[in-house]
Protein backbone atom coordinates (compact mmCIF):
# COMPACT_ATOMS: atom_id res chain seq x y z
CA MET A 1 10.83 17.41 -17.76
CA PRO A 2 8.75 15.55 -15.16
CA LEU A 3 8.66 16.88 -11.62
CA SER A 4 9.46 14.63 -8.69
CA LEU A 5 10.16 14.80 -4.98
CA THR A 6 13.47 13.82 -3.49
CA PHE A 7 14.19 13.24 0.18
CA ARG A 8 17.23 13.12 2.49
CA PRO A 9 18.70 9.64 3.03
CA GLY A 10 16.92 7.53 5.59
CA ALA A 11 13.42 6.64 6.71
CA ILE A 12 10.62 9.04 7.43
CA LEU A 13 9.07 8.69 10.89
CA VAL A 14 5.28 9.25 10.74
CA SER A 15 3.55 9.58 14.13
CA GLY A 16 -0.17 8.68 13.96
CA GLY A 17 -0.08 6.51 10.85
CA THR A 18 -3.39 4.76 11.30
CA GLY A 19 -5.60 7.87 11.16
CA ARG A 20 -7.08 9.23 7.97
CA VAL A 21 -4.35 11.85 7.44
CA GLY A 22 -1.55 9.71 8.72
CA GLU A 23 -2.49 6.67 6.57
CA GLY A 24 -2.54 8.94 3.54
CA VAL A 25 0.97 10.19 4.35
CA VAL A 26 2.31 6.65 4.96
CA ARG A 27 0.86 5.29 1.74
CA ARG A 28 2.09 8.23 -0.42
CA LEU A 29 5.62 8.09 0.97
CA ALA A 30 5.85 4.32 0.73
CA GLU A 31 4.52 4.32 -2.83
CA GLY A 32 7.17 6.88 -3.68
CA GLY A 33 9.95 4.48 -2.54
CA VAL A 34 10.68 6.06 0.86
CA PRO A 35 11.21 3.76 3.84
CA VAL A 36 8.54 4.63 6.42
CA LEU A 37 8.40 3.93 10.13
CA PHE A 38 4.83 4.76 11.18
CA THR A 39 3.41 4.66 14.69
CA TYR A 40 0.12 3.99 16.36
CA ARG A 41 -1.16 4.35 19.87
CA HIS A 42 -4.11 1.99 20.25
CA ASP A 43 -5.10 0.47 16.83
CA ARG A 44 -2.61 -2.37 16.62
CA ASP A 45 -4.81 -4.40 14.21
CA ARG A 46 -5.17 -1.51 11.71
CA ALA A 47 -1.42 -0.78 11.94
CA ALA A 48 -0.62 -4.44 11.28
CA ALA A 49 -2.96 -4.49 8.28
CA ILE A 50 -1.39 -1.39 6.73
CA GLU A 51 2.12 -2.71 7.32
CA ARG A 52 1.23 -6.10 5.77
CA GLU A 53 -0.45 -4.61 2.74
CA LEU A 54 2.41 -2.20 1.89
CA CYS A 55 5.13 -4.78 2.62
CA ASP A 56 3.38 -7.34 0.40
CA ALA A 57 3.42 -4.68 -2.36
CA GLY A 58 7.20 -4.44 -2.02
CA HIS A 59 7.48 -1.29 0.09
CA ARG A 60 9.77 -0.77 3.09
CA VAL A 61 7.32 -0.06 5.97
CA ARG A 62 7.22 -0.84 9.60
CA ALA A 63 4.63 -0.14 12.27
CA LYS A 64 5.57 0.53 15.92
CA MET A 65 3.51 1.45 19.00
CA LEU A 66 4.33 4.99 20.29
CA ASP A 67 3.30 6.69 23.56
CA LEU A 68 4.03 10.40 23.17
CA SER A 69 3.94 10.82 26.96
CA SER A 70 7.00 8.61 27.27
CA PRO A 71 10.53 9.87 26.25
CA ALA A 72 11.71 6.27 26.19
CA SER A 73 8.95 5.31 23.77
CA ILE A 74 9.83 8.26 21.50
CA ASP A 75 13.52 7.26 21.64
CA ALA A 76 12.54 3.77 20.62
CA ALA A 77 10.61 4.95 17.63
CA PHE A 78 13.57 7.07 16.48
CA GLU A 79 15.87 4.08 16.80
CA ALA A 80 13.46 1.91 14.85
CA ALA A 81 13.24 4.50 12.06
CA ARG A 82 17.06 4.86 12.02
CA SER A 83 17.41 1.05 11.89
CA LEU A 84 14.89 0.76 9.00
CA GLY A 85 16.40 3.47 6.82
CA GLY A 86 19.96 3.88 7.96
CA GLY A 87 19.12 7.39 9.20
CA ILE A 88 16.09 9.62 9.57
CA ALA A 89 15.01 11.69 6.56
CA ALA A 90 12.07 13.60 8.16
CA VAL A 91 9.73 13.50 11.07
CA VAL A 92 5.94 13.89 10.53
CA SER A 93 3.30 14.22 13.19
CA ALA A 94 0.10 13.32 11.38
CA GLY A 95 -2.30 12.21 14.19
CA GLY A 96 -3.53 13.03 17.59
CA PRO A 97 -5.86 12.01 20.41
CA GLY A 98 -9.61 12.00 20.00
CA VAL A 99 -11.12 15.50 20.33
CA PRO A 100 -13.83 16.05 23.04
CA PHE A 101 -16.48 17.66 20.71
CA ALA A 102 -18.68 20.10 22.70
CA LYS A 103 -19.03 23.76 23.36
CA LEU A 104 -15.68 24.61 24.88
CA ALA A 105 -16.98 25.95 28.17
CA ASP A 106 -18.88 22.67 28.58
CA VAL A 107 -15.83 20.49 28.33
CA PRO A 108 -14.83 19.43 31.85
CA ALA A 109 -11.48 20.90 32.89
CA VAL A 110 -10.03 17.48 33.66
CA THR A 111 -10.95 16.36 30.16
CA LEU A 112 -9.40 19.36 28.51
CA GLU A 113 -6.27 19.06 30.60
CA ALA A 114 -5.86 15.40 29.55
CA PHE A 115 -6.37 16.39 25.89
CA LEU A 116 -3.79 19.19 26.06
CA ARG A 117 -1.25 16.87 27.65
CA ALA A 118 -1.77 14.16 25.06
CA ASP A 119 -1.91 16.53 22.10
CA ALA A 120 0.17 19.70 22.58
CA MET A 121 2.67 18.29 25.02
CA GLY A 122 2.92 14.99 23.05
CA ILE A 123 3.78 16.92 19.91
CA PHE A 124 6.34 19.09 21.85
CA ARG A 125 8.12 15.95 23.01
CA LEU A 126 8.23 14.63 19.45
CA VAL A 127 9.37 17.86 17.90
CA SER A 128 11.99 18.42 20.61
CA ARG A 129 13.40 14.93 20.00
CA ALA A 130 13.43 15.60 16.24
CA VAL A 131 15.34 18.81 16.77
CA THR A 132 18.02 16.98 18.77
CA GLU A 133 18.24 14.37 16.08
CA PHE A 134 18.60 16.81 13.22
CA ARG A 135 21.01 19.14 14.94
CA ALA A 136 23.49 16.28 14.98
CA VAL A 137 23.25 15.57 11.22
CA GLY A 138 23.05 19.05 9.66
CA GLY A 139 19.26 19.51 9.54
CA GLY A 140 16.07 17.95 8.38
CA PRO A 141 12.31 18.64 7.97
CA ILE A 142 9.66 18.46 10.62
CA VAL A 143 5.99 18.49 9.54
CA VAL A 144 3.12 18.78 12.01
CA CYS A 145 -0.63 18.37 11.50
CA THR A 146 -2.67 21.20 13.03
CA THR A 147 -6.33 22.24 12.41
CA ILE A 148 -8.27 24.64 10.12
CA ALA A 149 -10.18 25.59 13.30
CA ASN A 150 -7.28 27.92 14.09
CA PHE A 151 -8.46 30.01 11.12
CA ARG A 152 -12.19 29.64 11.21
CA VAL A 153 -14.42 28.63 14.11
CA VAL A 154 -15.82 25.11 13.74
CA ASP A 155 -18.94 24.29 15.75
CA PHE A 156 -18.23 22.12 18.81
CA ASP A 157 -14.54 21.88 17.92
CA GLY A 158 -13.10 24.39 20.40
CA ALA A 159 -10.75 21.96 22.16
CA SER A 160 -8.74 21.26 19.01
CA PRO A 161 -7.66 24.89 18.20
CA PHE A 162 -7.12 25.51 21.94
CA SER A 163 -4.36 22.92 21.69
CA LYS A 164 -3.23 23.46 18.13
CA GLY A 165 -2.79 27.15 18.67
CA ALA A 166 0.03 26.21 21.01
CA VAL A 167 1.35 23.75 18.42
CA GLU A 168 1.41 26.48 15.75
CA ALA A 169 3.38 28.69 18.16
CA LEU A 170 5.78 25.77 18.63
CA ILE A 171 6.19 25.44 14.84
CA ARG A 172 7.13 29.12 14.43
CA GLN A 173 9.43 29.15 17.37
CA VAL A 174 11.32 26.04 16.30
CA ALA A 175 11.47 27.26 12.72
CA ALA A 176 13.08 30.52 13.86
CA GLU A 177 15.42 29.07 16.42
CA GLU A 178 16.70 26.15 14.34
CA ALA A 179 16.98 27.58 10.88
CA GLY A 180 20.75 27.97 11.41
CA ALA A 181 20.94 24.20 12.07
CA GLY A 182 19.30 23.37 8.77
CA ILE A 183 16.03 22.34 10.34
CA THR A 184 12.65 23.35 8.84
CA CYS A 185 9.39 23.06 10.74
CA ASN A 186 6.00 23.48 9.09
CA GLY A 187 2.39 22.72 9.81
CA VAL A 188 -0.62 21.57 7.77
CA ALA A 189 -3.92 22.94 9.01
CA VAL A 190 -6.31 20.15 7.91
CA SER A 191 -10.08 20.50 7.55
CA TRP A 192 -12.22 17.80 6.05
CA VAL A 193 -10.11 14.75 5.15
CA ASN A 194 -12.14 11.64 4.48
CA ASP A 195 -12.57 9.25 1.56
CA LEU A 196 -16.33 9.02 2.42
CA ASP A 197 -18.91 11.67 1.65
CA ALA A 198 -20.77 13.49 4.41
CA ASP A 199 -23.74 11.15 4.58
CA ALA A 200 -21.48 8.09 4.80
CA GLN A 201 -19.42 9.74 7.55
CA ILE A 202 -22.48 10.40 9.63
CA ALA A 203 -23.76 6.85 9.11
CA ALA A 204 -20.38 5.49 10.31
CA VAL A 205 -20.79 7.15 13.68
CA ALA A 206 -24.59 6.65 14.06
CA ASP A 207 -24.08 4.47 17.14
CA MET A 208 -22.47 7.31 19.09
CA PRO A 209 -24.50 8.48 22.14
CA GLU A 210 -25.98 11.95 22.39
CA PRO A 211 -24.99 14.71 22.70
CA ALA A 212 -21.78 13.61 20.99
CA PHE A 213 -23.55 12.34 17.91
CA GLY A 214 -25.45 15.57 17.37
CA HIS A 215 -22.23 17.59 17.76
CA ILE A 216 -20.46 15.49 15.13
CA VAL A 217 -23.38 15.86 12.76
CA ALA A 218 -23.42 19.60 13.15
CA LEU A 219 -19.64 19.78 12.61
CA ILE A 220 -19.81 17.67 9.48
CA ARG A 221 -22.72 19.62 8.04
CA GLN A 222 -21.12 22.95 8.66
CA ILE A 223 -17.85 21.96 6.95
CA GLU A 224 -19.83 20.41 4.08
CA ALA A 225 -21.82 23.51 3.52
CA GLN A 226 -18.92 25.97 3.79
CA THR A 227 -16.16 24.14 1.96
CA ARG A 228 -15.88 25.73 -1.44
CA ALA A 229 -14.48 22.59 -3.12
CA LYS A 230 -17.79 20.94 -2.22
CA ARG A 231 -16.11 17.73 -1.12
CA PRO A 232 -13.74 16.35 1.47
CA ALA A 233 -10.03 16.01 0.76
CA ARG A 234 -8.92 12.53 -0.19
CA THR A 235 -6.45 10.91 2.18
CA SER A 236 -4.03 10.62 -0.74
CA GLU A 237 -4.23 14.37 -1.29
CA ALA A 238 -3.22 14.94 2.32
CA GLY A 239 -0.30 12.58 1.68
CA ASP A 240 0.74 14.67 -1.28
CA LEU A 241 1.05 17.82 0.75
CA PHE A 242 2.77 16.29 3.71
CA ALA A 243 5.21 14.56 1.32
CA PHE A 244 6.08 17.80 -0.30
CA LEU A 245 6.83 19.56 2.99
CA ALA A 246 9.03 16.60 4.04
CA SER A 247 10.90 16.68 0.75
CA GLU A 248 14.10 18.51 -0.27
CA GLN A 249 11.99 20.60 -2.67
CA ALA A 250 10.45 22.27 0.37
CA ARG A 251 13.81 23.15 2.08
CA TYR A 252 13.21 26.90 1.71
CA VAL A 253 9.75 26.69 3.34
CA THR A 254 9.75 26.99 7.13
CA GLY A 255 7.62 28.40 9.91
CA GLU A 256 4.48 28.11 7.74
CA THR A 257 1.11 26.55 8.43
CA VAL A 258 -0.50 25.60 5.09
CA ARG A 259 -4.28 25.62 5.03
CA PHE A 260 -5.48 22.34 3.58
CA ASP A 261 -9.20 23.03 3.55
CA GLY A 262 -10.63 23.22 0.00
CA GLY A 263 -11.50 26.86 0.64
CA PHE A 264 -13.35 26.36 3.94
CA SER A 265 -11.54 29.26 5.67
CA LEU A 266 -12.09 31.77 2.84
């Protein structure tokens, strides 16, 4: 008998749908017949292109700008998802702000504070709003993107786990506190997700100024050398895992952070 994923009635809200992970999630869910409301912060053109392509293929997809610092903007995204699907089946946080790549002690405090506000606090606002939504309807799944740098140090990537460590604490706390309401909350610790190989990734950022370019190159080469699968994850593979955790088949899984890293953290 073939295996398949099923979902609660409604649309799935995907925050950060224009990034590599987020786009993979949006495409996998849409291709599986799930209505998807995905959000973007700055890349309106990319969001419009994804929406147009998937809608032209017959999928129910809508893009909407989301500012995670604004409760009103979050409420509007939930309302748009509810309007698209007649309810909300799951909430997925699949993106985040740009990471300031540098040795952690060299990141200016004001830069780090801004990153923490945008990332950890933005995810808190989204998850808190999802909990309120799902308490009223008997539960639902929340899935949050974190980082493999919580499990193994990645050169010049200290800001990300500094924030995502708080996010993983949030995941566990929400999972424990809201289990009785039928709410699950899980994380995916992503590592190297890209449809380009390492050389092509480096070429794509070759116009970055130093020292940022050197930091990016060192990071990519470290992950390339230490990933046992010897390749990056495809964006579609990220979509597969997020889709499972948002599905009814994962309803007994909660409070977990799944390492999606091709063996990098081993």
